């Protein structure tokens, strides 16, 4: 079950961030603003079965998100060094942001059962999903946003 922007507050926005990614580069919200839908998946424990499952399910579908001209990022409070090690050991392509100070998670103050947010190209959160979400449902929201329609 997902929540729409009307259920989480239509004005909820992705906050400004400038964080180290698993790629070794810093990524900021300005890199994406006005360009493409953004999917953020929050994983507090990279090694938990739920966290690993979500990361794997999104990583496998990166090409599908890419074909929809959208960006998928994992957000974790884990240190950048530990994230880099994790990505290397798991052979992941997906970018994981190190957010130990909560630049993204804290301002959003999402309910504990929300793990995935889908934002439009301007950063307005349009839909949220639990950690167990069907990735096809997330892609459907991205498709709607790419076609210029409101997902809510």
N, C-alpha and C. Protein backbone atom coordinates (compact mmCIF):
# COMPACT_ATOMS: atom_id res chain seq x y z
N UNK A 1 0.85 -1.18 0.00
CA UNK A 1 0.00 0.00 0.00
C UNK A 1 0.89 1.25 0.00
N UNK A 2 0.57 2.19 -0.85
CA UNK A 2 1.34 3.42 -0.92
C UNK A 2 0.49 4.59 -0.44
N UNK A 3 1.17 5.69 -0.17
CA UNK A 3 0.48 6.92 0.23
C UNK A 3 0.74 7.95 -0.86
N UNK A 4 -0.28 8.70 -1.24
CA UNK A 4 -0.14 9.74 -2.25
C UNK A 4 0.24 11.05 -1.60
N UNK A 5 0.56 12.04 -2.44
CA UNK A 5 0.97 13.34 -1.91
C UNK A 5 -0.13 13.97 -1.06
N UNK A 6 -1.40 13.69 -1.37
CA UNK A 6 -2.47 14.27 -0.57
C UNK A 6 -2.49 13.67 0.84
N UNK A 7 -2.03 12.43 0.98
CA UNK A 7 -2.02 11.78 2.28
C UNK A 7 -0.80 12.18 3.12
N UNK A 8 0.32 12.52 2.46
CA UNK A 8 1.52 12.88 3.20
C UNK A 8 1.74 14.37 3.27
N UNK A 9 0.90 15.12 2.58
CA UNK A 9 1.04 16.58 2.57
C UNK A 9 1.57 17.01 1.22
N UNK A 10 0.74 17.65 0.44
CA UNK A 10 1.07 17.99 -0.94
C UNK A 10 2.30 18.86 -1.08
N UNK A 11 2.68 19.54 -0.03
CA UNK A 11 3.83 20.44 -0.15
C UNK A 11 5.14 19.79 0.30
N UNK A 12 5.14 18.51 0.62
CA UNK A 12 6.37 17.85 1.06
C UNK A 12 7.37 17.79 -0.09
N UNK A 13 8.56 18.32 0.16
CA UNK A 13 9.61 18.44 -0.86
C UNK A 13 10.86 17.69 -0.45
N UNK A 14 11.60 17.23 -1.44
CA UNK A 14 12.92 16.69 -1.17
C UNK A 14 13.77 17.87 -0.70
N UNK A 15 14.43 17.75 0.45
CA UNK A 15 15.25 18.86 0.95
C UNK A 15 16.56 18.98 0.16
N UNK A 16 17.16 20.14 0.26
CA UNK A 16 18.48 20.32 -0.33
C UNK A 16 19.43 19.32 0.32
N UNK A 17 20.32 18.75 -0.48
CA UNK A 17 21.35 17.87 0.09
C UNK A 17 22.60 17.95 -0.77
N UNK A 18 23.70 17.62 -0.16
CA UNK A 18 24.99 17.52 -0.83
C UNK A 18 25.75 16.43 -0.08
N UNK A 19 25.68 15.21 -0.62
CA UNK A 19 26.16 14.03 0.10
C UNK A 19 27.13 13.20 -0.73
N UNK A 20 28.01 12.50 -0.04
CA UNK A 20 28.93 11.58 -0.70
C UNK A 20 28.16 10.35 -1.14
N UNK A 21 28.43 9.92 -2.38
CA UNK A 21 27.77 8.73 -2.92
C UNK A 21 28.76 7.57 -3.01
N UNK A 22 28.22 6.40 -3.18
CA UNK A 22 29.05 5.19 -3.29
C UNK A 22 29.97 5.24 -4.50
N UNK A 23 29.70 6.14 -5.41
CA UNK A 23 30.54 6.30 -6.61
C UNK A 23 31.81 7.09 -6.31
N UNK A 24 31.90 7.63 -5.09
CA UNK A 24 33.04 8.45 -4.73
C UNK A 24 32.85 9.92 -5.04
N UNK A 25 31.71 10.27 -5.63
CA UNK A 25 31.39 11.68 -5.95
C UNK A 25 30.35 12.19 -4.98
N UNK A 26 30.31 13.51 -4.84
CA UNK A 26 29.25 14.15 -4.07
C UNK A 26 28.07 14.39 -5.01
N UNK A 27 26.88 14.14 -4.52
CA UNK A 27 25.67 14.40 -5.28
C UNK A 27 24.82 15.40 -4.51
N UNK A 28 24.20 16.31 -5.25
CA UNK A 28 23.33 17.30 -4.62
C UNK A 28 21.97 17.26 -5.32
N UNK A 29 20.97 17.78 -4.62
CA UNK A 29 19.64 17.84 -5.22
C UNK A 29 19.65 18.71 -6.47
N UNK A 30 20.49 19.74 -6.49
CA UNK A 30 20.57 20.61 -7.67
C UNK A 30 20.92 19.85 -8.94
N UNK A 31 21.61 18.70 -8.81
CA UNK A 31 21.97 17.88 -9.98
C UNK A 31 20.74 17.33 -10.67
N UNK A 32 19.64 17.21 -9.94
CA UNK A 32 18.44 16.57 -10.47
C UNK A 32 17.25 17.51 -10.65
N UNK A 33 17.23 18.60 -9.90
CA UNK A 33 16.08 19.51 -9.91
C UNK A 33 15.73 19.97 -11.33
N UNK A 34 14.46 19.86 -11.66
CA UNK A 34 13.96 20.31 -12.96
C UNK A 34 14.27 19.38 -14.11
N UNK A 35 14.92 18.26 -13.85
CA UNK A 35 15.35 17.39 -14.94
C UNK A 35 14.59 16.07 -15.02
N UNK A 36 14.43 15.39 -13.87
CA UNK A 36 13.84 14.07 -13.93
C UNK A 36 13.27 13.66 -12.58
N UNK A 37 12.32 12.71 -12.63
CA UNK A 37 11.79 12.19 -11.37
C UNK A 37 12.90 11.53 -10.56
N UNK A 38 12.76 11.61 -9.25
CA UNK A 38 13.76 11.08 -8.34
C UNK A 38 13.10 10.07 -7.41
N UNK A 39 13.70 8.89 -7.32
CA UNK A 39 13.24 7.85 -6.41
C UNK A 39 14.29 7.72 -5.32
N UNK A 40 13.88 7.94 -4.09
CA UNK A 40 14.78 7.79 -2.95
C UNK A 40 14.29 6.61 -2.11
N UNK A 41 15.20 5.71 -1.81
CA UNK A 41 14.87 4.57 -0.95
C UNK A 41 15.73 4.67 0.30
N UNK A 42 15.07 4.69 1.45
CA UNK A 42 15.75 4.85 2.73
C UNK A 42 16.01 3.49 3.35
N UNK A 43 17.29 3.20 3.59
CA UNK A 43 17.69 1.92 4.17
C UNK A 43 18.62 2.22 5.34
N UNK A 44 18.12 1.99 6.55
CA UNK A 44 18.94 2.30 7.72
C UNK A 44 20.06 1.28 7.92
N UNK A 45 19.77 0.02 7.69
CA UNK A 45 20.76 -1.03 7.87
C UNK A 45 20.99 -1.75 6.55
N UNK A 46 22.13 -1.47 5.93
CA UNK A 46 22.43 -2.08 4.63
C UNK A 46 22.50 -3.60 4.69
N UNK A 47 22.80 -4.15 5.86
CA UNK A 47 23.00 -5.59 5.99
C UNK A 47 21.76 -6.34 6.47
N UNK A 48 20.68 -5.61 6.78
CA UNK A 48 19.45 -6.30 7.19
C UNK A 48 18.84 -7.01 5.98
N UNK A 49 18.07 -8.04 6.21
CA UNK A 49 17.48 -8.78 5.10
C UNK A 49 16.53 -7.89 4.29
N UNK A 50 15.74 -7.05 4.98
CA UNK A 50 14.83 -6.15 4.27
C UNK A 50 15.60 -5.11 3.47
N UNK A 51 16.64 -4.53 4.08
CA UNK A 51 17.44 -3.51 3.40
C UNK A 51 18.14 -4.08 2.18
N UNK A 52 18.77 -5.23 2.35
CA UNK A 52 19.48 -5.87 1.24
C UNK A 52 18.51 -6.25 0.13
N UNK A 53 17.34 -6.73 0.50
CA UNK A 53 16.33 -7.10 -0.49
C UNK A 53 15.90 -5.88 -1.31
N UNK A 54 15.59 -4.78 -0.64
CA UNK A 54 15.16 -3.57 -1.35
C UNK A 54 16.26 -3.06 -2.28
N UNK A 55 17.48 -3.00 -1.79
CA UNK A 55 18.59 -2.53 -2.61
C UNK A 55 18.75 -3.43 -3.84
N UNK A 56 18.70 -4.72 -3.63
CA UNK A 56 18.85 -5.67 -4.74
C UNK A 56 17.72 -5.52 -5.76
N UNK A 57 16.49 -5.40 -5.26
CA UNK A 57 15.34 -5.28 -6.18
C UNK A 57 15.42 -4.00 -7.01
N UNK A 58 15.90 -2.92 -6.41
CA UNK A 58 16.06 -1.67 -7.17
C UNK A 58 17.26 -1.74 -8.12
N UNK A 59 18.35 -2.33 -7.66
CA UNK A 59 19.55 -2.44 -8.49
C UNK A 59 19.27 -3.24 -9.76
N UNK A 60 18.54 -4.33 -9.62
CA UNK A 60 18.20 -5.18 -10.76
C UNK A 60 17.36 -4.41 -11.79
N UNK A 61 16.57 -3.44 -11.32
CA UNK A 61 15.66 -2.71 -12.20
C UNK A 61 16.18 -1.34 -12.62
N UNK A 62 17.46 -1.05 -12.38
CA UNK A 62 18.01 0.27 -12.73
C UNK A 62 17.80 0.62 -14.20
N UNK A 63 17.96 -0.35 -15.08
CA UNK A 63 17.78 -0.08 -16.52
C UNK A 63 16.34 0.35 -16.81
N UNK A 64 15.38 -0.26 -16.12
CA UNK A 64 13.98 0.12 -16.31
C UNK A 64 13.73 1.56 -15.87
N UNK A 65 14.32 1.94 -14.73
CA UNK A 65 14.19 3.32 -14.26
C UNK A 65 14.91 4.26 -15.22
N UNK A 66 16.06 3.85 -15.70
CA UNK A 66 16.82 4.66 -16.65
C UNK A 66 16.07 4.89 -17.94
N UNK A 67 15.35 3.87 -18.42
CA UNK A 67 14.57 4.02 -19.65
C UNK A 67 13.43 5.01 -19.46
N UNK A 68 13.04 5.24 -18.21
CA UNK A 68 12.01 6.23 -17.90
C UNK A 68 12.63 7.59 -17.55
N UNK A 69 13.93 7.69 -17.78
CA UNK A 69 14.67 8.93 -17.49
C UNK A 69 14.38 9.42 -16.08
N UNK A 70 14.65 8.53 -15.14
CA UNK A 70 14.50 8.85 -13.73
C UNK A 70 15.78 8.43 -13.01
N UNK A 71 15.95 8.92 -11.80
CA UNK A 71 17.14 8.60 -11.00
C UNK A 71 16.71 7.89 -9.73
N UNK A 72 17.39 6.80 -9.40
CA UNK A 72 17.14 6.06 -8.17
C UNK A 72 18.37 6.19 -7.28
N UNK A 73 18.14 6.58 -6.03
CA UNK A 73 19.22 6.70 -5.06
C UNK A 73 18.79 6.01 -3.77
N UNK A 74 19.72 5.28 -3.17
CA UNK A 74 19.50 4.73 -1.85
C UNK A 74 20.07 5.74 -0.86
N UNK A 75 19.40 5.96 0.25
CA UNK A 75 19.86 6.89 1.29
C UNK A 75 20.08 6.07 2.57
N UNK A 76 21.29 6.19 3.13
CA UNK A 76 21.61 5.45 4.35
C UNK A 76 22.42 6.32 5.29
N UNK A 77 22.24 6.11 6.57
CA UNK A 77 23.01 6.85 7.58
C UNK A 77 24.42 6.26 7.75
N UNK A 78 24.72 5.23 7.01
CA UNK A 78 26.01 4.55 7.07
C UNK A 78 27.12 5.46 6.53
N UNK A 79 28.34 5.28 7.02
CA UNK A 79 29.47 6.09 6.56
C UNK A 79 29.78 5.82 5.09
N UNK A 80 30.37 6.79 4.43
CA UNK A 80 30.71 6.67 3.01
C UNK A 80 31.67 5.49 2.77
N UNK A 81 32.65 5.30 3.65
CA UNK A 81 33.61 4.20 3.49
C UNK A 81 32.90 2.84 3.58
N UNK A 82 32.01 2.70 4.55
CA UNK A 82 31.28 1.44 4.71
C UNK A 82 30.36 1.18 3.51
N UNK A 83 29.77 2.24 2.99
CA UNK A 83 28.90 2.10 1.81
C UNK A 83 29.71 1.65 0.60
N UNK A 84 30.87 2.25 0.41
CA UNK A 84 31.73 1.88 -0.71
C UNK A 84 32.11 0.40 -0.63
N UNK A 85 32.47 -0.05 0.56
CA UNK A 85 32.80 -1.46 0.79
C UNK A 85 31.61 -2.37 0.49
N UNK A 86 30.44 -1.96 0.99
CA UNK A 86 29.22 -2.74 0.78
C UNK A 86 28.92 -2.88 -0.71
N UNK A 87 28.98 -1.78 -1.45
CA UNK A 87 28.69 -1.82 -2.89
C UNK A 87 29.67 -2.71 -3.64
N UNK A 88 30.94 -2.65 -3.25
CA UNK A 88 31.95 -3.49 -3.89
C UNK A 88 31.70 -4.97 -3.59
N UNK A 89 31.37 -5.28 -2.34
CA UNK A 89 31.16 -6.68 -1.97
C UNK A 89 29.89 -7.25 -2.60
N UNK A 90 28.89 -6.41 -2.78
CA UNK A 90 27.61 -6.86 -3.35
C UNK A 90 27.56 -6.68 -4.87
N UNK A 91 28.60 -6.08 -5.44
CA UNK A 91 28.67 -5.80 -6.88
C UNK A 91 27.45 -5.02 -7.37
N UNK A 92 27.18 -3.91 -6.70
CA UNK A 92 26.01 -3.09 -7.01
C UNK A 92 26.35 -1.97 -7.98
N UNK A 93 25.39 -1.63 -8.81
CA UNK A 93 25.50 -0.49 -9.71
C UNK A 93 24.80 0.74 -9.17
N UNK A 94 23.84 0.52 -8.29
CA UNK A 94 23.01 1.60 -7.77
C UNK A 94 23.84 2.53 -6.88
N UNK A 95 23.53 3.81 -6.90
CA UNK A 95 24.22 4.78 -6.05
C UNK A 95 23.58 4.82 -4.66
N UNK A 96 24.44 4.77 -3.65
CA UNK A 96 23.98 4.87 -2.27
C UNK A 96 24.58 6.13 -1.68
N UNK A 97 23.73 6.98 -1.13
CA UNK A 97 24.18 8.22 -0.50
C UNK A 97 24.43 8.00 0.97
N UNK A 98 25.53 8.53 1.46
CA UNK A 98 25.84 8.49 2.88
C UNK A 98 25.25 9.73 3.53
N UNK A 99 24.25 9.53 4.38
CA UNK A 99 23.53 10.63 5.03
C UNK A 99 23.55 10.48 6.55
N UNK A 100 24.77 10.47 7.15
CA UNK A 100 24.86 10.23 8.59
C UNK A 100 24.23 11.32 9.45
N UNK A 101 24.13 12.53 8.90
CA UNK A 101 23.54 13.64 9.67
C UNK A 101 22.07 13.87 9.35
N UNK A 102 21.49 13.04 8.50
CA UNK A 102 20.07 13.14 8.19
C UNK A 102 19.67 14.34 7.35
N UNK A 103 20.53 14.77 6.42
CA UNK A 103 20.18 15.90 5.56
C UNK A 103 18.88 15.69 4.79
N UNK A 104 18.63 14.43 4.43
CA UNK A 104 17.40 14.13 3.67
C UNK A 104 16.32 13.58 4.60
N UNK A 105 16.66 12.58 5.38
CA UNK A 105 15.66 11.87 6.17
C UNK A 105 15.02 12.74 7.26
N UNK A 106 15.82 13.53 7.96
CA UNK A 106 15.29 14.30 9.09
C UNK A 106 14.22 15.31 8.68
N UNK A 107 14.46 16.15 7.66
CA UNK A 107 13.42 17.12 7.28
C UNK A 107 12.13 16.46 6.77
N UNK A 108 12.26 15.28 6.15
CA UNK A 108 11.05 14.62 5.63
C UNK A 108 10.19 14.03 6.73
N UNK A 109 10.81 13.57 7.81
CA UNK A 109 10.08 13.00 8.95
C UNK A 109 8.98 12.05 8.50
N UNK A 110 9.34 11.11 7.65
CA UNK A 110 8.37 10.14 7.14
C UNK A 110 8.02 9.12 8.21
N UNK A 111 6.82 8.55 8.14
CA UNK A 111 6.46 7.48 9.07
C UNK A 111 7.45 6.32 8.94
N UNK A 112 7.63 5.56 9.99
CA UNK A 112 8.61 4.47 10.02
C UNK A 112 8.38 3.42 8.94
N UNK A 113 7.13 3.25 8.50
CA UNK A 113 6.85 2.21 7.51
C UNK A 113 7.10 2.66 6.07
N UNK A 114 7.51 3.90 5.88
CA UNK A 114 7.78 4.41 4.53
C UNK A 114 9.27 4.27 4.23
N UNK A 115 9.60 3.59 3.12
CA UNK A 115 10.99 3.39 2.76
C UNK A 115 11.33 4.00 1.41
N UNK A 116 10.33 4.21 0.56
CA UNK A 116 10.58 4.71 -0.80
C UNK A 116 9.71 5.93 -1.03
N UNK A 117 10.32 6.99 -1.56
CA UNK A 117 9.55 8.15 -1.98
C UNK A 117 9.83 8.41 -3.46
N UNK A 118 8.80 8.82 -4.16
CA UNK A 118 8.94 9.19 -5.57
C UNK A 118 8.59 10.67 -5.67
N UNK A 119 9.55 11.45 -6.18
CA UNK A 119 9.35 12.89 -6.32
C UNK A 119 9.34 13.26 -7.79
N UNK A 120 8.57 14.30 -8.11
CA UNK A 120 8.57 14.79 -9.49
C UNK A 120 9.86 15.55 -9.76
N UNK A 121 10.01 16.07 -10.96
CA UNK A 121 11.28 16.72 -11.34
C UNK A 121 11.57 17.98 -10.53
N UNK A 122 10.55 18.51 -9.86
CA UNK A 122 10.75 19.70 -9.02
C UNK A 122 10.97 19.34 -7.55
N UNK A 123 10.98 18.04 -7.25
CA UNK A 123 11.26 17.59 -5.89
C UNK A 123 10.05 17.42 -5.00
N UNK A 124 8.84 17.62 -5.54
CA UNK A 124 7.63 17.40 -4.73
C UNK A 124 7.37 15.90 -4.64
N UNK A 125 7.21 15.43 -3.42
CA UNK A 125 6.95 14.00 -3.23
C UNK A 125 5.52 13.70 -3.66
N UNK A 126 5.41 12.76 -4.60
CA UNK A 126 4.11 12.41 -5.17
C UNK A 126 3.56 11.10 -4.65
N UNK A 127 4.46 10.20 -4.21
CA UNK A 127 3.98 8.90 -3.75
C UNK A 127 5.04 8.31 -2.82
N UNK A 128 4.58 7.53 -1.87
CA UNK A 128 5.49 6.84 -0.95
C UNK A 128 5.11 5.36 -0.91
N UNK A 129 6.10 4.54 -0.57
CA UNK A 129 5.89 3.09 -0.54
C UNK A 129 6.62 2.49 0.66
N UNK A 130 6.11 1.36 1.15
CA UNK A 130 6.83 0.64 2.22
C UNK A 130 8.03 -0.11 1.65
N UNK A 131 8.87 -0.62 2.52
CA UNK A 131 10.09 -1.32 2.10
C UNK A 131 9.77 -2.55 1.24
N UNK A 132 8.60 -3.14 1.43
CA UNK A 132 8.22 -4.34 0.69
C UNK A 132 7.54 -4.04 -0.64
N UNK A 133 7.58 -2.80 -1.08
CA UNK A 133 6.85 -2.38 -2.28
C UNK A 133 7.20 -3.19 -3.52
N UNK A 134 6.22 -3.35 -4.36
CA UNK A 134 6.41 -3.94 -5.68
C UNK A 134 7.11 -2.87 -6.53
N UNK A 135 8.26 -3.18 -7.07
CA UNK A 135 9.04 -2.20 -7.84
C UNK A 135 8.28 -1.78 -9.10
N UNK A 136 7.44 -2.66 -9.64
CA UNK A 136 6.62 -2.26 -10.79
C UNK A 136 5.68 -1.12 -10.43
N UNK A 137 5.15 -1.12 -9.22
CA UNK A 137 4.26 -0.03 -8.77
C UNK A 137 5.04 1.28 -8.70
N UNK A 138 6.28 1.23 -8.23
CA UNK A 138 7.12 2.43 -8.18
C UNK A 138 7.38 2.93 -9.60
N UNK A 139 7.70 2.01 -10.50
CA UNK A 139 7.93 2.38 -11.91
C UNK A 139 6.69 2.99 -12.54
N UNK A 140 5.52 2.47 -12.18
CA UNK A 140 4.27 3.03 -12.73
C UNK A 140 4.12 4.50 -12.36
N UNK A 141 4.46 4.86 -11.13
CA UNK A 141 4.38 6.26 -10.71
C UNK A 141 5.38 7.09 -11.50
N UNK A 142 6.58 6.58 -11.68
CA UNK A 142 7.60 7.29 -12.46
C UNK A 142 7.10 7.51 -13.90
N UNK A 143 6.49 6.49 -14.48
CA UNK A 143 5.97 6.62 -15.86
C UNK A 143 4.92 7.74 -15.94
N UNK A 144 4.03 7.77 -14.97
CA UNK A 144 2.99 8.80 -14.94
C UNK A 144 3.64 10.19 -14.85
N UNK A 145 4.64 10.32 -13.97
CA UNK A 145 5.32 11.61 -13.81
C UNK A 145 6.08 12.00 -15.08
N UNK A 146 6.70 11.03 -15.74
CA UNK A 146 7.44 11.31 -16.97
C UNK A 146 6.49 11.76 -18.08
N UNK A 147 5.27 11.27 -18.04
CA UNK A 147 4.29 11.65 -19.06
C UNK A 147 3.58 12.96 -18.74
N UNK A 148 4.00 13.58 -17.65
CA UNK A 148 3.46 14.91 -17.31
C UNK A 148 2.14 14.91 -16.59
N UNK A 149 1.79 13.81 -15.99
CA UNK A 149 0.54 13.74 -15.26
C UNK A 149 0.83 13.67 -13.78
N UNK A 150 -0.12 14.08 -12.98
CA UNK A 150 0.01 14.02 -11.52
C UNK A 150 -0.24 12.58 -11.09
N UNK A 151 0.67 12.03 -10.30
CA UNK A 151 0.54 10.66 -9.84
C UNK A 151 -0.53 10.50 -8.77
N UNK A 152 -0.90 11.57 -8.13
CA UNK A 152 -1.86 11.49 -7.01
C UNK A 152 -3.27 11.30 -7.49
